[in-house]
Amino acid sequence: MARSSSIIIFCVLGLVLSLILTAWLTPGDIELQITLVKEKKTVLVLPLKPGELFTIHYYHSVENAPIWEEHSMDKKGNIYIEEERYEKFGAGMGKMPGVGRMVTKGIYEAITDMHMPVGDFILRVGSPGVDHTIIWRNKQFNLSDTIAHKAVKFSGKPRSMLYQIWRSFRVSDQQDNPYKIGEKSGKQIYSEEING
């Protein structure tokens, strides 16, 4: 009797260990991490599927014209720029030879089909009014309202299925957004016309 219960316990523990090991070795999704460069503190973590888009929206500091930069990540966490959209060319804006194609989307000019690797990158967050805002899954996080004039690093990280499961039970929205970067209020920055 004691021997059969030992075998059952051993088999159950082996099965649990096998499931944990499988979940650890199985690739999960990826995360976009936005981290303060100087302080080395993460301000925002966004889970993404490979190829899923996130957008950086802001107003050009000279032209005060709206700009959208759409990015994606591959399954390894490499960041790509996919599209740029703007009302008019501003300083530092415009087509790069051999990258993407120019199209018109409503009143906006766009460079589409870029898929240009940018890797991890640093952004100096502009003042309120420049409104550096992250748009992800219909949520908007205005960095300028919370961490203006700070340098932040955008980086992608692949995660295991085990980590992804653990985070779904363990990590709250507060931990993914410790600086309470809230949804954008005020100016309308994303409209049906832009998506067209």
N, C-alpha and C. Protein backbone atom coordinates (compact mmCIF):
# COMPACT_ATOMS: atom_id res chain seq x y z
N MET A 1 0.82 -1.19 0.00
CA MET A 1 0.00 0.00 0.00
C MET A 1 0.87 1.26 0.00
N ALA A 2 1.89 1.31 0.85
CA ALA A 2 2.76 2.48 0.95
C ALA A 2 3.57 2.63 -0.33
N ARG A 3 3.94 1.49 -0.92
CA ARG A 3 4.72 1.55 -2.16
C ARG A 3 3.88 2.12 -3.31
N SER A 4 2.63 1.73 -3.44
CA SER A 4 1.78 2.23 -4.53
C SER A 4 1.49 3.72 -4.36
N SER A 5 1.33 4.20 -3.13
CA SER A 5 1.12 5.64 -2.93
C SER A 5 2.40 6.41 -3.23
N SER A 6 3.56 5.83 -2.96
CA SER A 6 4.83 6.49 -3.30
C SER A 6 4.98 6.59 -4.82
N ILE A 7 4.59 5.56 -5.53
CA ILE A 7 4.67 5.57 -6.99
C ILE A 7 3.72 6.63 -7.56
N ILE A 8 2.52 6.71 -7.00
CA ILE A 8 1.54 7.71 -7.46
C ILE A 8 2.08 9.12 -7.23
N ILE A 9 2.61 9.38 -6.05
CA ILE A 9 3.18 10.69 -5.72
C ILE A 9 4.34 11.01 -6.66
N PHE A 10 5.21 10.04 -6.90
CA PHE A 10 6.36 10.22 -7.78
C PHE A 10 5.89 10.54 -9.20
N CYS A 11 4.89 9.83 -9.69
CA CYS A 11 4.35 10.08 -11.04
C CYS A 11 3.70 11.45 -11.14
N VAL A 12 2.93 11.84 -10.13
CA VAL A 12 2.29 13.16 -10.14
C VAL A 12 3.35 14.26 -10.12
N LEU A 13 4.36 14.14 -9.27
CA LEU A 13 5.43 15.14 -9.22
C LEU A 13 6.19 15.20 -10.55
N GLY A 14 6.42 14.05 -11.16
CA GLY A 14 7.09 14.01 -12.47
C GLY A 14 6.26 14.70 -13.54
N LEU A 15 4.95 14.48 -13.51
CA LEU A 15 4.05 15.11 -14.47
C LEU A 15 4.04 16.63 -14.28
N VAL A 16 3.94 17.08 -13.02
CA VAL A 16 3.94 18.52 -12.73
C VAL A 16 5.26 19.15 -13.18
N LEU A 17 6.37 18.49 -12.86
CA LEU A 17 7.68 19.00 -13.26
C LEU A 17 7.81 19.06 -14.78
N SER A 18 7.29 18.05 -15.46
CA SER A 18 7.31 18.03 -16.94
C SER A 18 6.50 19.18 -17.51
N LEU A 19 5.33 19.45 -16.93
CA LEU A 19 4.49 20.56 -17.40
C LEU A 19 5.20 21.90 -17.19
N ILE A 20 5.81 22.07 -16.03
CA ILE A 20 6.53 23.33 -15.75
C ILE A 20 7.70 23.50 -16.71
N LEU A 21 8.47 22.44 -16.94
CA LEU A 21 9.61 22.50 -17.85
C LEU A 21 9.15 22.80 -19.28
N THR A 22 8.07 22.17 -19.71
CA THR A 22 7.52 22.43 -21.05
C THR A 22 7.09 23.88 -21.18
N ALA A 23 6.38 24.41 -20.17
CA ALA A 23 5.93 25.80 -20.22
C ALA A 23 7.12 26.77 -20.22
N TRP A 24 8.19 26.40 -19.53
CA TRP A 24 9.37 27.25 -19.47
C TRP A 24 10.09 27.28 -20.82
N LEU A 25 10.12 26.13 -21.51
CA LEU A 25 10.82 26.04 -22.79
C LEU A 25 9.98 26.48 -23.98
N THR A 26 8.66 26.54 -23.81
CA THR A 26 7.77 26.95 -24.90
C THR A 26 7.75 28.47 -25.01
N PRO A 27 8.00 29.00 -26.22
CA PRO A 27 7.98 30.46 -26.36
C PRO A 27 6.58 31.01 -26.11
N GLY A 28 6.52 32.15 -25.45
CA GLY A 28 5.26 32.85 -25.23
C GLY A 28 5.21 34.07 -26.12
N ASP A 29 4.59 35.10 -25.65
CA ASP A 29 4.52 36.35 -26.40
C ASP A 29 5.75 37.20 -26.09
N ILE A 30 5.68 38.44 -26.46
CA ILE A 30 6.77 39.38 -26.24
C ILE A 30 6.25 40.56 -25.44
N GLU A 31 7.16 41.33 -24.87
CA GLU A 31 6.80 42.53 -24.10
C GLU A 31 7.57 43.72 -24.63
N LEU A 32 6.88 44.83 -24.72
CA LEU A 32 7.54 46.11 -24.95
C LEU A 32 7.78 46.72 -23.58
N GLN A 33 9.02 47.03 -23.28
CA GLN A 33 9.36 47.67 -22.01
C GLN A 33 9.84 49.08 -22.31
N ILE A 34 9.28 50.04 -21.58
CA ILE A 34 9.71 51.44 -21.69
C ILE A 34 10.33 51.79 -20.35
N THR A 35 11.62 52.11 -20.38
CA THR A 35 12.42 52.27 -19.16
C THR A 35 13.09 53.63 -19.13
N LEU A 36 13.06 54.30 -17.98
CA LEU A 36 13.82 55.54 -17.81
C LEU A 36 15.30 55.21 -17.91
N VAL A 37 16.02 55.91 -18.78
CA VAL A 37 17.42 55.60 -19.04
C VAL A 37 18.28 55.88 -17.82
N LYS A 38 18.21 57.08 -17.29
CA LYS A 38 19.08 57.47 -16.18
C LYS A 38 18.75 56.69 -14.90
N GLU A 39 17.47 56.58 -14.59
CA GLU A 39 17.03 55.94 -13.34
C GLU A 39 16.97 54.42 -13.44
N LYS A 40 16.99 53.90 -14.69
CA LYS A 40 16.89 52.46 -14.94
C LYS A 40 15.63 51.85 -14.31
N LYS A 41 14.53 52.59 -14.37
CA LYS A 41 13.25 52.12 -13.83
C LYS A 41 12.26 51.95 -14.98
N THR A 42 11.57 50.84 -14.99
CA THR A 42 10.57 50.58 -16.01
C THR A 42 9.33 51.40 -15.72
N VAL A 43 8.84 52.14 -16.73
CA VAL A 43 7.65 52.98 -16.54
C VAL A 43 6.41 52.36 -17.18
N LEU A 44 6.60 51.47 -18.16
CA LEU A 44 5.44 50.87 -18.82
C LEU A 44 5.86 49.55 -19.45
N VAL A 45 5.03 48.52 -19.28
CA VAL A 45 5.25 47.22 -19.91
C VAL A 45 3.98 46.85 -20.66
N LEU A 46 4.12 46.57 -21.95
CA LEU A 46 2.96 46.22 -22.77
C LEU A 46 3.18 44.85 -23.42
N PRO A 47 2.32 43.88 -23.12
CA PRO A 47 2.45 42.58 -23.79
C PRO A 47 1.99 42.69 -25.24
N LEU A 48 2.72 42.06 -26.14
CA LEU A 48 2.39 42.10 -27.57
C LEU A 48 2.49 40.71 -28.17
N LYS A 49 1.78 40.50 -29.24
CA LYS A 49 1.94 39.32 -30.09
C LYS A 49 2.93 39.71 -31.18
N PRO A 50 3.73 38.76 -31.69
CA PRO A 50 4.63 39.10 -32.80
C PRO A 50 3.84 39.71 -33.96
N GLY A 51 4.31 40.85 -34.47
CA GLY A 51 3.66 41.54 -35.57
C GLY A 51 2.58 42.53 -35.15
N GLU A 52 2.16 42.48 -33.88
CA GLU A 52 1.14 43.42 -33.39
C GLU A 52 1.73 44.84 -33.36
N LEU A 53 0.90 45.82 -33.70
CA LEU A 53 1.38 47.20 -33.77
C LEU A 53 1.19 47.96 -32.47
N PHE A 54 2.12 48.86 -32.20
CA PHE A 54 1.95 49.91 -31.21
C PHE A 54 2.39 51.20 -31.90
N THR A 55 1.82 52.30 -31.48
CA THR A 55 2.05 53.57 -32.16
C THR A 55 2.63 54.60 -31.19
N ILE A 56 3.57 55.37 -31.68
CA ILE A 56 4.06 56.54 -30.96
C ILE A 56 3.47 57.75 -31.68
N HIS A 57 2.68 58.52 -30.98
CA HIS A 57 2.05 59.70 -31.55
C HIS A 57 2.60 60.93 -30.83
N TYR A 58 2.82 62.01 -31.59
CA TYR A 58 3.28 63.25 -30.98
C TYR A 58 3.02 64.39 -31.95
N TYR A 59 3.25 65.61 -31.47
CA TYR A 59 3.12 66.80 -32.29
C TYR A 59 4.52 67.34 -32.54
N HIS A 60 4.84 67.56 -33.83
CA HIS A 60 6.17 68.03 -34.21
C HIS A 60 6.48 69.33 -33.47
N SER A 61 7.67 69.42 -32.89
CA SER A 61 8.01 70.56 -32.04
C SER A 61 8.12 71.88 -32.80
N VAL A 62 8.40 71.84 -34.09
CA VAL A 62 8.51 73.07 -34.88
C VAL A 62 7.20 73.36 -35.60
N GLU A 63 6.67 72.37 -36.29
CA GLU A 63 5.47 72.55 -37.12
C GLU A 63 4.16 72.44 -36.33
N ASN A 64 4.22 71.86 -35.14
CA ASN A 64 3.04 71.57 -34.32
C ASN A 64 2.01 70.75 -35.11
N ALA A 65 2.51 69.85 -35.94
CA ALA A 65 1.65 68.99 -36.76
C ALA A 65 1.68 67.57 -36.19
N PRO A 66 0.56 66.86 -36.24
CA PRO A 66 0.51 65.51 -35.67
C PRO A 66 1.32 64.51 -36.49
N ILE A 67 1.97 63.59 -35.78
CA ILE A 67 2.78 62.54 -36.40
C ILE A 67 2.46 61.23 -35.69
N TRP A 68 2.35 60.16 -36.48
CA TRP A 68 2.16 58.81 -35.94
C TRP A 68 3.27 57.94 -36.49
N GLU A 69 3.91 57.18 -35.62
CA GLU A 69 4.91 56.19 -36.03
C GLU A 69 4.42 54.83 -35.54
N GLU A 70 4.12 53.94 -36.48
CA GLU A 70 3.65 52.61 -36.10
C GLU A 70 4.84 51.65 -36.09
N HIS A 71 4.91 50.88 -35.01
CA HIS A 71 6.00 49.93 -34.82
C HIS A 71 5.44 48.54 -34.56
N SER A 72 6.28 47.55 -34.77
CA SER A 72 5.94 46.17 -34.43
C SER A 72 7.19 45.50 -33.85
N MET A 73 7.00 44.29 -33.35
CA MET A 73 8.14 43.49 -32.89
C MET A 73 8.01 42.08 -33.46
N ASP A 74 9.14 41.45 -33.71
CA ASP A 74 9.10 40.06 -34.12
C ASP A 74 9.16 39.16 -32.88
N LYS A 75 9.15 37.86 -33.07
CA LYS A 75 9.08 36.93 -31.93
C LYS A 75 10.32 36.97 -31.05
N LYS A 76 11.41 37.56 -31.54
CA LYS A 76 12.63 37.70 -30.74
C LYS A 76 12.67 39.00 -29.96
N GLY A 77 11.68 39.89 -30.20
CA GLY A 77 11.64 41.18 -29.51
C GLY A 77 12.34 42.30 -30.27
N ASN A 78 12.73 42.06 -31.52
CA ASN A 78 13.33 43.12 -32.34
C ASN A 78 12.24 44.10 -32.77
N ILE A 79 12.51 45.39 -32.66
CA ILE A 79 11.53 46.42 -32.97
C ILE A 79 11.73 46.91 -34.41
N TYR A 80 10.62 47.09 -35.13
CA TYR A 80 10.61 47.57 -36.51
C TYR A 80 9.69 48.78 -36.61
N ILE A 81 10.03 49.73 -37.47
CA ILE A 81 9.07 50.77 -37.82
C ILE A 81 8.35 50.29 -39.08
N GLU A 82 7.02 50.38 -39.05
CA GLU A 82 6.19 49.88 -40.14
C GLU A 82 5.62 51.01 -40.98
N GLU A 83 5.27 52.12 -40.33
CA GLU A 83 4.62 53.22 -41.05
C GLU A 83 4.83 54.53 -40.31
N GLU A 84 4.96 55.61 -41.07
CA GLU A 84 4.96 56.97 -40.54
C GLU A 84 3.83 57.73 -41.22
N ARG A 85 3.10 58.52 -40.45
CA ARG A 85 1.96 59.27 -40.99
C ARG A 85 2.03 60.69 -40.45
N TYR A 86 1.84 61.68 -41.32
CA TYR A 86 1.91 63.06 -40.89
C TYR A 86 1.10 63.94 -41.81
N GLU A 87 0.76 65.11 -41.30
CA GLU A 87 -0.03 66.07 -42.05
C GLU A 87 0.82 66.76 -43.11
N LYS A 88 2.05 67.09 -42.74
CA LYS A 88 2.98 67.74 -43.67
C LYS A 88 4.40 67.43 -43.21
N PHE A 89 5.33 67.54 -44.16
CA PHE A 89 6.73 67.32 -43.81
C PHE A 89 7.19 68.36 -42.81
N GLY A 90 7.87 67.92 -41.78
CA GLY A 90 8.49 68.82 -40.83
C GLY A 90 9.99 68.55 -40.84
N ALA A 91 10.72 69.30 -40.07
CA ALA A 91 12.16 69.09 -39.96
C ALA A 91 12.42 67.65 -39.54
N GLY A 92 13.27 66.95 -40.27
CA GLY A 92 13.62 65.57 -39.93
C GLY A 92 12.62 64.54 -40.42
N MET A 93 11.59 64.96 -41.17
CA MET A 93 10.57 64.04 -41.65
C MET A 93 10.75 63.83 -43.15
N GLY A 94 10.17 62.75 -43.65
CA GLY A 94 10.16 62.53 -45.09
C GLY A 94 10.62 61.15 -45.47
N LYS A 95 10.52 60.84 -46.74
CA LYS A 95 10.83 59.53 -47.27
C LYS A 95 12.33 59.28 -47.26
N MET A 96 12.67 58.03 -46.96
CA MET A 96 14.06 57.59 -47.06
C MET A 96 14.17 56.74 -48.32
N PRO A 97 15.11 57.00 -49.18
CA PRO A 97 15.22 56.23 -50.43
C PRO A 97 15.31 54.73 -50.14
N GLY A 98 14.47 53.97 -50.87
CA GLY A 98 14.50 52.51 -50.75
C GLY A 98 13.73 51.94 -49.57
N VAL A 99 13.04 52.80 -48.79
CA VAL A 99 12.30 52.33 -47.63
C VAL A 99 10.82 52.66 -47.79
N GLY A 100 9.98 51.66 -47.87
CA GLY A 100 8.54 51.85 -47.91
C GLY A 100 8.05 52.53 -49.18
N ARG A 101 6.77 52.92 -49.14
CA ARG A 101 6.19 53.63 -50.28
C ARG A 101 5.29 54.76 -49.77
N MET A 102 5.27 55.86 -50.50
CA MET A 102 4.47 57.04 -50.14
C MET A 102 3.03 56.84 -50.60
N VAL A 103 2.08 57.10 -49.70
CA VAL A 103 0.65 57.05 -50.04
C VAL A 103 -0.04 58.21 -49.32
N THR A 104 -1.27 58.47 -49.73
CA THR A 104 -2.10 59.47 -49.06
C THR A 104 -3.19 58.74 -48.31
N LYS A 105 -3.40 59.11 -47.05
CA LYS A 105 -4.47 58.56 -46.22
C LYS A 105 -5.29 59.74 -45.72
N GLY A 106 -6.39 60.02 -46.42
CA GLY A 106 -7.19 61.19 -46.07
C GLY A 106 -6.36 62.44 -46.28
N ILE A 107 -6.24 63.26 -45.26
CA ILE A 107 -5.44 64.50 -45.37
C ILE A 107 -3.98 64.27 -45.01
N TYR A 108 -3.62 63.02 -44.73
CA TYR A 108 -2.26 62.73 -44.26
C TYR A 108 -1.42 62.08 -45.34
N GLU A 109 -0.13 62.35 -45.31
CA GLU A 109 0.87 61.64 -46.10
C GLU A 109 1.36 60.49 -45.23
N ALA A 110 1.67 59.36 -45.86
CA ALA A 110 2.16 58.22 -45.09
C ALA A 110 3.25 57.50 -45.87
N ILE A 111 4.20 56.98 -45.14
CA ILE A 111 5.17 56.05 -45.70
C ILE A 111 4.77 54.70 -45.13
N THR A 112 4.31 53.79 -45.99
CA THR A 112 3.83 52.47 -45.55
C THR A 112 4.82 51.39 -45.97
N ASP A 113 4.56 50.18 -45.52
CA ASP A 113 5.36 49.00 -45.90
C ASP A 113 6.85 49.21 -45.63
N MET A 114 7.17 49.86 -44.54
CA MET A 114 8.57 50.14 -44.23
C MET A 114 9.29 48.89 -43.71
N HIS A 115 8.76 48.28 -42.67
CA HIS A 115 9.36 47.13 -41.99
C HIS A 115 10.88 47.28 -41.89
N MET A 116 11.29 48.40 -41.31
CA MET A 116 12.71 48.72 -41.16
C MET A 116 13.13 48.48 -39.71
N PRO A 117 14.16 47.64 -39.49
CA PRO A 117 14.57 47.39 -38.11
C PRO A 117 15.14 48.65 -37.46
N VAL A 118 14.66 48.94 -36.25
CA VAL A 118 15.21 50.05 -35.48
C VAL A 118 15.86 49.56 -34.19
N GLY A 119 15.56 48.31 -33.81
CA GLY A 119 16.12 47.77 -32.58
C GLY A 119 15.65 48.55 -31.37
N ASP A 120 16.31 48.35 -30.24
CA ASP A 120 16.01 49.14 -29.06
C ASP A 120 16.37 50.60 -29.39
N PHE A 121 15.59 51.54 -28.89
CA PHE A 121 15.90 52.94 -29.17
C PHE A 121 15.54 53.81 -27.98
N ILE A 122 16.15 55.00 -27.97
CA ILE A 122 15.92 55.96 -26.88
C ILE A 122 15.15 57.15 -27.43
N LEU A 123 14.15 57.57 -26.67
CA LEU A 123 13.32 58.72 -27.01
C LEU A 123 13.40 59.71 -25.86
N ARG A 124 13.69 60.97 -26.17
CA ARG A 124 13.60 62.01 -25.15
C ARG A 124 12.17 62.52 -25.19
N VAL A 125 11.45 62.31 -24.10
CA VAL A 125 10.02 62.65 -24.04
C VAL A 125 9.87 64.17 -24.05
N GLY A 126 9.01 64.65 -24.93
CA GLY A 126 8.77 66.08 -25.06
C GLY A 126 7.84 66.63 -24.00
N SER A 127 7.71 67.93 -23.99
CA SER A 127 6.85 68.65 -23.05
C SER A 127 5.39 68.33 -23.31
N PRO A 128 4.52 68.59 -22.31
CA PRO A 128 3.09 68.56 -22.62
C PRO A 128 2.86 69.55 -23.77
N GLY A 129 2.10 69.16 -24.74
CA GLY A 129 1.94 69.92 -25.97
C GLY A 129 2.59 69.18 -27.12
N VAL A 130 3.77 68.59 -26.86
CA VAL A 130 4.36 67.66 -27.82
C VAL A 130 3.60 66.33 -27.70
N ASP A 131 3.21 66.03 -26.48
CA ASP A 131 2.33 64.89 -26.19
C ASP A 131 2.82 63.57 -26.76
N HIS A 132 4.03 63.16 -26.40
CA HIS A 132 4.48 61.82 -26.78
C HIS A 132 3.54 60.81 -26.12
N THR A 133 2.80 60.09 -26.94
CA THR A 133 1.77 59.18 -26.46
C THR A 133 1.94 57.81 -27.12
N ILE A 134 1.85 56.76 -26.31
CA ILE A 134 1.88 55.39 -26.81
C ILE A 134 0.44 54.95 -27.01
N ILE A 135 0.12 54.45 -28.21
CA ILE A 135 -1.22 53.92 -28.49
C ILE A 135 -1.06 52.42 -28.68
N TRP A 136 -1.79 51.67 -27.86
CA TRP A 136 -1.69 50.21 -27.86
C TRP A 136 -3.06 49.63 -27.50
N ARG A 137 -3.58 48.78 -28.37
CA ARG A 137 -4.86 48.12 -28.14
C ARG A 137 -5.95 49.11 -27.70
N ASN A 138 -6.06 50.20 -28.43
CA ASN A 138 -7.06 51.25 -28.19
C ASN A 138 -6.89 51.95 -26.84
N LYS A 139 -5.73 51.83 -26.23
CA LYS A 139 -5.42 52.58 -25.01
C LYS A 139 -4.32 53.57 -25.37
N GLN A 140 -4.34 54.72 -24.71
CA GLN A 140 -3.36 55.76 -24.96
C GLN A 140 -2.65 56.12 -23.66
N PHE A 141 -1.32 56.10 -23.71
CA PHE A 141 -0.51 56.42 -22.53
C PHE A 141 0.34 57.64 -22.87
N ASN A 142 0.01 58.78 -22.27
CA ASN A 142 0.71 60.03 -22.56
C ASN A 142 1.95 60.14 -21.67
N LEU A 143 3.11 59.95 -22.27
CA LEU A 143 4.37 60.03 -21.53
C LEU A 143 4.69 61.47 -21.14
N SER A 144 4.33 62.44 -21.99
CA SER A 144 4.65 63.85 -21.74
C SER A 144 3.96 64.38 -20.49
N ASP A 145 2.78 63.87 -20.17
CA ASP A 145 2.08 64.32 -18.97
C ASP A 145 2.77 63.87 -17.68
N THR A 146 3.54 62.79 -17.77
CA THR A 146 4.10 62.18 -16.56
C THR A 146 5.62 62.29 -16.45
N ILE A 147 6.31 62.10 -17.57
CA ILE A 147 7.79 62.04 -17.51
C ILE A 147 8.43 62.93 -18.59
N ALA A 148 7.90 64.12 -18.76
CA ALA A 148 8.44 65.05 -19.76
C ALA A 148 9.92 65.32 -19.51
N HIS A 149 10.66 65.49 -20.59
CA HIS A 149 12.09 65.84 -20.58
C HIS A 149 12.98 64.72 -20.09
N LYS A 150 12.46 63.52 -19.97
CA LYS A 150 13.28 62.37 -19.55
C LYS A 150 13.54 61.49 -20.77
N ALA A 151 14.68 60.82 -20.77
CA ALA A 151 15.01 59.86 -21.83
C ALA A 151 14.47 58.49 -21.42
N VAL A 152 13.77 57.85 -22.36
CA VAL A 152 13.26 56.51 -22.11
C VAL A 152 13.76 55.57 -23.20
N LYS A 153 13.99 54.33 -22.81
CA LYS A 153 14.45 53.31 -23.74
C LYS A 153 13.29 52.38 -24.07
N PHE A 154 13.06 52.16 -25.35
CA PHE A 154 12.08 51.19 -25.83
C PHE A 154 12.83 49.91 -26.15
N SER A 155 12.44 48.81 -25.54
CA SER A 155 13.08 47.53 -25.85
C SER A 155 12.05 46.41 -25.83
N GLY A 156 12.32 45.41 -26.64
CA GLY A 156 11.45 44.25 -26.72
C GLY A 156 12.10 43.04 -26.10
N LYS A 157 11.29 42.23 -25.43
CA LYS A 157 11.80 41.03 -24.77
C LYS A 157 10.88 39.85 -25.05
N PRO A 158 11.44 38.74 -25.58
CA PRO A 158 10.61 37.53 -25.69
C PRO A 158 10.41 36.93 -24.30
N ARG A 159 9.29 36.29 -24.09
CA ARG A 159 8.96 35.68 -22.80
C ARG A 159 8.55 34.23 -23.00
N SER A 160 8.84 33.41 -22.02
CA SER A 160 8.42 32.01 -22.08
C SER A 160 6.94 31.91 -21.72
N MET A 161 6.33 30.80 -22.10
CA MET A 161 4.92 30.58 -21.76
C MET A 161 4.75 30.55 -20.24
N LEU A 162 5.72 29.98 -19.51
CA LEU A 162 5.64 29.93 -18.05
C LEU A 162 5.62 31.34 -17.46
N TYR A 163 6.50 32.21 -17.96
CA TYR A 163 6.54 33.60 -17.49
C TYR A 163 5.22 34.29 -17.79
N GLN A 164 4.70 34.06 -18.98
CA GLN A 164 3.44 34.68 -19.38
C GLN A 164 2.30 34.23 -18.48
N ILE A 165 2.24 32.94 -18.15
CA ILE A 165 1.21 32.42 -17.25
C ILE A 165 1.39 33.02 -15.86
N TRP A 166 2.61 33.05 -15.38
CA TRP A 166 2.91 33.59 -14.05
C TRP A 166 2.48 35.05 -13.96
N ARG A 167 2.81 35.86 -15.00
CA ARG A 167 2.43 37.27 -15.00
C ARG A 167 0.92 37.47 -15.01
N SER A 168 0.21 36.58 -15.70
CA SER A 168 -1.24 36.75 -15.78
C SER A 168 -1.90 36.58 -14.41
N PHE A 169 -1.27 35.82 -13.52
CA PHE A 169 -1.82 35.64 -12.17
C PHE A 169 -1.20 36.60 -11.17
N ARG A 170 0.05 36.97 -11.38
CA ARG A 170 0.84 37.65 -10.35
C ARG A 170 0.93 39.16 -10.52
N VAL A 171 0.97 39.64 -11.76
CA VAL A 171 1.29 41.05 -12.01
C VAL A 171 0.02 41.82 -12.30
N SER A 172 -0.14 42.93 -11.60
CA SER A 172 -1.32 43.79 -11.79
C SER A 172 -1.01 44.87 -12.81
N ASP A 173 -2.04 45.57 -13.27
CA ASP A 173 -1.84 46.70 -14.16
C ASP A 173 -0.96 47.75 -13.51
N GLN A 174 -1.06 47.90 -12.20
CA GLN A 174 -0.24 48.88 -11.48
C GLN A 174 1.25 48.55 -11.64
N GLN A 175 1.61 47.26 -11.61
CA GLN A 175 3.01 46.89 -11.76
C GLN A 175 3.50 47.10 -13.18
N ASP A 176 2.61 46.95 -14.17
CA ASP A 176 2.98 47.20 -15.56
C ASP A 176 3.05 48.69 -15.88
N ASN A 177 2.46 49.51 -15.03
CA ASN A 177 2.39 50.95 -15.26
C ASN A 177 2.65 51.68 -13.93
N PRO A 178 3.87 51.50 -13.35
CA PRO A 178 4.12 52.03 -12.01
C PRO A 178 4.07 53.55 -11.92
N TYR A 179 4.29 54.26 -13.02
CA TYR A 179 4.26 55.72 -12.99
C TYR A 179 2.86 56.27 -13.25
N LYS A 180 1.88 55.36 -13.32
CA LYS A 180 0.48 55.73 -13.53
C LYS A 180 0.32 56.61 -14.77
N ILE A 181 0.99 56.19 -15.85
CA ILE A 181 0.85 56.90 -17.12
C ILE A 181 -0.55 56.58 -17.61
N GLY A 182 -1.44 57.59 -17.53
CA GLY A 182 -2.86 57.36 -17.76
C GLY A 182 -3.27 57.56 -19.20
N GLU A 183 -4.53 57.26 -19.43
CA GLU A 183 -5.08 57.44 -20.76
C GLU A 183 -5.15 58.92 -21.08
N LYS A 184 -4.88 59.24 -22.33
CA LYS A 184 -4.81 60.62 -22.81
C LYS A 184 -6.16 61.30 -22.71
N SER A 185 -6.12 62.52 -22.24
CA SER A 185 -7.33 63.34 -22.25
C SER A 185 -7.03 64.58 -23.07
N GLY A 186 -8.04 65.32 -23.41
CA GLY A 186 -7.81 66.55 -24.16
C GLY A 186 -7.93 66.34 -25.65
N LYS A 187 -6.84 66.60 -26.41
CA LYS A 187 -6.87 66.54 -27.86
C LYS A 187 -7.25 65.14 -28.36
N GLN A 188 -8.06 65.09 -29.41
CA GLN A 188 -8.37 63.82 -30.07
C GLN A 188 -7.18 63.49 -30.96
N ILE A 189 -6.54 62.35 -30.73
CA ILE A 189 -5.35 62.05 -31.50
C ILE A 189 -5.49 60.82 -32.38
N TYR A 190 -6.62 60.16 -32.35
CA TYR A 190 -6.77 58.96 -33.16
C TYR A 190 -8.18 58.92 -33.69
N SER A 191 -8.36 59.01 -34.98
CA SER A 191 -9.70 59.09 -35.53
C SER A 191 -9.88 58.08 -36.65
N GLU A 192 -11.11 57.90 -37.09
CA GLU A 192 -11.41 56.99 -38.17
C GLU A 192 -10.68 57.41 -39.45
N GLU A 193 -10.56 58.72 -39.65
CA GLU A 193 -9.90 59.23 -40.83
C GLU A 193 -8.45 58.76 -40.91
N ILE A 194 -7.78 58.68 -39.76
CA ILE A 194 -6.37 58.29 -39.71
C ILE A 194 -6.23 56.83 -40.09
N ASN A 195 -7.16 55.99 -39.65
CA ASN A 195 -7.08 54.55 -39.92
C ASN A 195 -7.36 54.22 -41.37
N GLY A 196 -7.94 55.14 -42.14
CA GLY A 196 -8.40 54.89 -43.50
C GLY A 196 -7.40 54.58 -44.50
